[in-house]
C-alpha atoms as a PDB file:
ATOM      1  CA  MET A   1      15.859  -1.808   5.291  1.00  0.00           C
ATOM      2  CA  THR A   2      12.525  -2.927   6.871  1.00  0.00           C
ATOM      3  CA  LEU A   3      10.073  -4.398   4.312  1.00  0.00           C
ATOM      4  CA  VAL A   4       6.274  -4.717   4.703  1.00  0.00           C
ATOM      5  CA  ALA A   5       4.151  -7.192   3.022  1.00  0.00           C
ATOM      6  CA  VAL A   6       1.199  -5.934   1.082  1.00  0.00           C
ATOM      7  CA  ARG A   7      -1.314  -7.476  -1.296  1.00  0.00           C
ATOM      8  CA  ASP A   8      -2.665  -5.525  -4.357  1.00  0.00           C
ATOM      9  CA  LEU A   9      -6.523  -5.723  -3.915  1.00  0.00           C
ATOM     10  CA  GLU A  10      -7.152  -5.362  -7.697  1.00  0.00           C
ATOM     11  CA  THR A  11      -4.691  -8.037  -8.925  1.00  0.00           C
ATOM     12  CA  GLY A  12      -4.276 -10.060  -5.857  1.00  0.00           C
ATOM     13  CA  ALA A  13      -0.489  -9.875  -6.290  1.00  0.00           C
ATOM     14  CA  PRO A  14       1.716 -10.001  -3.104  1.00  0.00           C
ATOM     15  CA  ALA A  15       4.653  -7.664  -2.730  1.00  0.00           C
ATOM     16  CA  SER A  16       7.098  -6.582  -0.111  1.00  0.00           C
ATOM     17  CA  ARG A  17       7.650  -2.823  -0.096  1.00  0.00           C
ATOM     18  CA  PRO A  18      10.098  -0.690   1.957  1.00  0.00           C
ATOM     19  CA  ALA A  19       8.509   0.741   5.187  1.00  0.00           C
ATOM     20  CA  ASP A  20       9.159   4.348   4.006  1.00  0.00           C
ATOM     21  CA  THR A  21       6.895   3.831   0.850  1.00  0.00           C
ATOM     22  CA  PRO A  22       4.285   6.656   0.808  1.00  0.00           C
ATOM     23  CA  THR A  23       0.732   5.658   1.581  1.00  0.00           C
ATOM     24  CA  LEU A  24      -2.684   7.415   1.630  1.00  0.00           C
ATOM     25  CA  ASP A  25      -6.075   6.828   3.304  1.00  0.00           C
ATOM     26  CA  VAL A  26      -8.690   5.497   0.840  1.00  0.00           C
ATOM     27  CA  PRO A  27     -11.299   8.105  -0.117  1.00  0.00           C
ATOM     28  CA  ALA A  28     -14.735   6.919   0.642  1.00  0.00           C
ATOM     29  CA  ASP A  29     -15.941   7.790  -2.984  1.00  0.00           C
ATOM     30  CA  LEU A  30     -13.085   6.165  -4.811  1.00  0.00           C
ATOM     31  CA  ALA A  31     -14.375   4.168  -7.753  1.00  0.00           C
ATOM     32  CA  SER A  32     -13.165   0.516  -8.141  1.00  0.00           C
ATOM     33  CA  GLY A  33     -10.226   0.104 -10.492  1.00  0.00           C
ATOM     34  CA  THR A  34      -9.520   3.840 -10.528  1.00  0.00           C
ATOM     35  CA  ILE A  35      -5.908   5.121 -11.059  1.00  0.00           C
ATOM     36  CA  PHE A  36      -5.125   7.275  -7.987  1.00  0.00           C
ATOM     37  CA  THR A  37      -2.372   9.855  -8.864  1.00  0.00           C
ATOM     38  CA  VAL A  38      -0.536  12.326  -6.826  1.00  0.00           C
ATOM     39  CA  ALA A  39       1.415  15.151  -8.307  1.00  0.00           C
ATOM     40  CA  ASP A  40       4.115  17.055  -6.645  1.00  0.00           C
ATOM     41  CA  GLY A  41       3.668  14.947  -3.468  1.00  0.00           C
ATOM     42  CA  PHE A  42       0.391  16.461  -2.481  1.00  0.00           C
ATOM     43  CA  ARG A  43      -2.119  17.062  -5.260  1.00  0.00           C
ATOM     44  CA  ALA A  44      -4.317  13.855  -5.610  1.00  0.00           C
ATOM     45  CA  SER A  45      -6.578  13.197  -8.719  1.00  0.00           C
ATOM     46  CA  TYR A  46      -8.940  10.246  -8.953  1.00  0.00           C
ATOM     47  CA  MET A  47     -12.386   9.281 -10.370  1.00  0.00           C
ATOM     48  CA  THR A  48     -15.347   8.782  -8.044  1.00  0.00           C
ATOM     49  CA  ALA A  49     -17.836   5.929  -8.184  1.00  0.00           C
ATOM     50  CA  ALA A  50     -20.384   8.569  -9.644  1.00  0.00           C
ATOM     51  CA  GLY A  51     -17.847   9.372 -12.384  1.00  0.00           C
ATOM     52  CA  LYS A  52     -16.726  12.705 -11.246  1.00  0.00           C
ATOM     53  CA  GLN A  53     -13.014  13.694 -11.486  1.00  0.00           C
ATOM     54  CA  ILE A  54     -11.759  14.789  -8.047  1.00  0.00           C
ATOM     55  CA  THR A  55      -8.620  16.855  -7.332  1.00  0.00           C
ATOM     56  CA  ARG A  56      -7.731  17.506  -3.624  1.00  0.00           C
ATOM     57  CA  LYS A  57      -4.659  17.978  -1.337  1.00  0.00           C
ATOM     58  CA  VAL A  58      -3.371  14.832   0.454  1.00  0.00           C
ATOM     59  CA  THR A  59      -0.621  14.187   2.937  1.00  0.00           C
ATOM     60  CA  PRO A  60       1.118  10.828   2.405  1.00  0.00           C
ATOM     61  CA  GLY A  61       2.494   8.911   5.464  1.00  0.00           C
ATOM     62  CA  PRO A  62       4.929   6.033   5.268  1.00  0.00           C
ATOM     63  CA  LEU A  63       3.832   2.446   5.010  1.00  0.00           C
ATOM     64  CA  GLY A  64       5.601   1.529   8.260  1.00  0.00           C
ATOM     65  CA  TRP A  65       3.052   3.566  10.160  1.00  0.00           C
ATOM     66  CA  ARG A  66       0.069   1.538   8.870  1.00  0.00           C
ATOM     67  CA  ALA A  67      -1.484  -1.347  10.868  1.00  0.00           C
ATOM     68  CA  GLN A  68      -1.455  -4.920   9.889  1.00  0.00           C
ATOM     69  CA  GLY A  69      -4.848  -5.869   8.170  1.00  0.00           C
ATOM     70  CA  GLU A  70      -5.393  -2.204   7.120  1.00  0.00           C
ATOM     71  CA  THR A  71      -6.485  -1.210   3.605  1.00  0.00           C
ATOM     72  CA  CYS A  72      -4.829   1.871   2.165  1.00  0.00           C
ATOM     73  CA  LEU A  73      -3.376   3.340  -1.073  1.00  0.00           C
ATOM     74  CA  VAL A  74       0.264   2.383  -1.566  1.00  0.00           C
ATOM     75  CA  ALA A  75       2.628   4.329  -3.914  1.00  0.00           C
ATOM     76  CA  ARG A  76       3.986   2.372  -6.874  1.00  0.00           C
ATOM     77  CA  THR A  77       7.725   2.606  -7.513  1.00  0.00           C
ATOM     78  CA  GLY A  78       9.223   4.673 -10.097  1.00  0.00           C
ATOM     79  CA  GLY A  79       6.989   7.679 -10.279  1.00  0.00           C
ATOM     80  CA  ALA A  80       8.766  10.060  -8.093  1.00  0.00           C
ATOM     81  CA  ARG A  81      11.236  11.116 -10.730  1.00  0.00           C
ATOM     82  CA  ARG A  82       8.490  12.422 -12.920  1.00  0.00           C
ATOM     83  CA  GLY A  83       6.699  14.282  -9.953  1.00  0.00           C
ATOM     84  CA  ILE A  84       3.787  12.049 -10.442  1.00  0.00           C
ATOM     85  CA  ARG A  85       3.042   8.889  -8.394  1.00  0.00           C
ATOM     86  CA  HIS A  86       0.454   6.206  -8.919  1.00  0.00           C
ATOM     87  CA  TYR A  87      -1.098   4.520  -5.947  1.00  0.00           C
ATOM     88  CA  ARG A  88      -2.722   1.122  -5.674  1.00  0.00           C
ATOM     89  CA  LEU A  89      -5.308  -0.091  -3.325  1.00  0.00           C
ATOM     90  CA  CYS A  90      -3.546  -2.544  -1.031  1.00  0.00           C
ATOM     91  CA  TRP A  91      -4.008  -4.683   2.058  1.00  0.00           C
ATOM     92  CA  ILE A  92      -1.259  -4.694   4.704  1.00  0.00           C
ATOM     93  CA  ALA A  93      -0.522  -8.290   5.308  1.00  0.00           C
ATOM     94  CA  PRO A  94      -0.034  -9.491   8.949  1.00  0.00           C
ATOM     95  CA  ALA A  95       3.537 -10.707   9.980  1.00  0.00           C
ATOM     96  CA  GLU A  96       4.048 -14.298   9.322  1.00  0.00           C
ATOM     97  CA  THR A  97       4.305 -16.561  12.331  1.00  0.00           C
ATOM     98  CA  PRO A  98       7.512 -18.490  12.570  1.00  0.00           C
ATOM     99  CA  THR A  99       7.396 -22.081  11.527  1.00  0.00           C
ATOM    100  CA  LEU A 100       9.535 -25.061  12.168  1.00  0.00           C
ATOM    101  CA  THR A 101      11.497 -26.031   9.124  1.00  0.00           C
ATOM    102  CA  SER A 102      13.888 -28.544  10.604  1.00  0.00           C
ATOM    103  CA  GLY A 103      13.399 -32.103  11.949  1.00  0.00           C
ATOM    104  CA  PRO A 104      11.871 -33.250  15.178  1.00  0.00           C
ATOM    105  CA  ILE A 105      12.538 -31.273  18.328  1.00  0.00           C
ATOM    106  CA  GLU A 106      15.052 -32.936  20.725  1.00  0.00           C
ATOM    107  CA  GLU A 107      14.515 -32.992  24.404  1.00  0.00           C
ATOM    108  CA  LEU A 108      16.893 -31.021  26.522  1.00  0.00           C
ATOM    109  CA  SER A 109      18.634 -32.896  29.345  1.00  0.00           C
END
């Protein structure tokens, strides 16, 4: 299973999520700290910065399709059984560059 590194932008907590985790684009009017929910896989509900409750149709896509450095809404685990998923505002972390963890490099003869 391929994992993708993400960082929750509200809490700062890092996590590794499966590449098939549902994601959504961030609405331009999403209020900071708002709980973004999706019922039945396509009916989103959230609060705007102006305080208005919005309900609209969405089409989730897999986390593996997102670009490194992109900000998007990432589904939290555990909500699918109830038909409602909560999404968190996250940043897709770039792949780590390999580092040397062993001793000095030996010359090849």
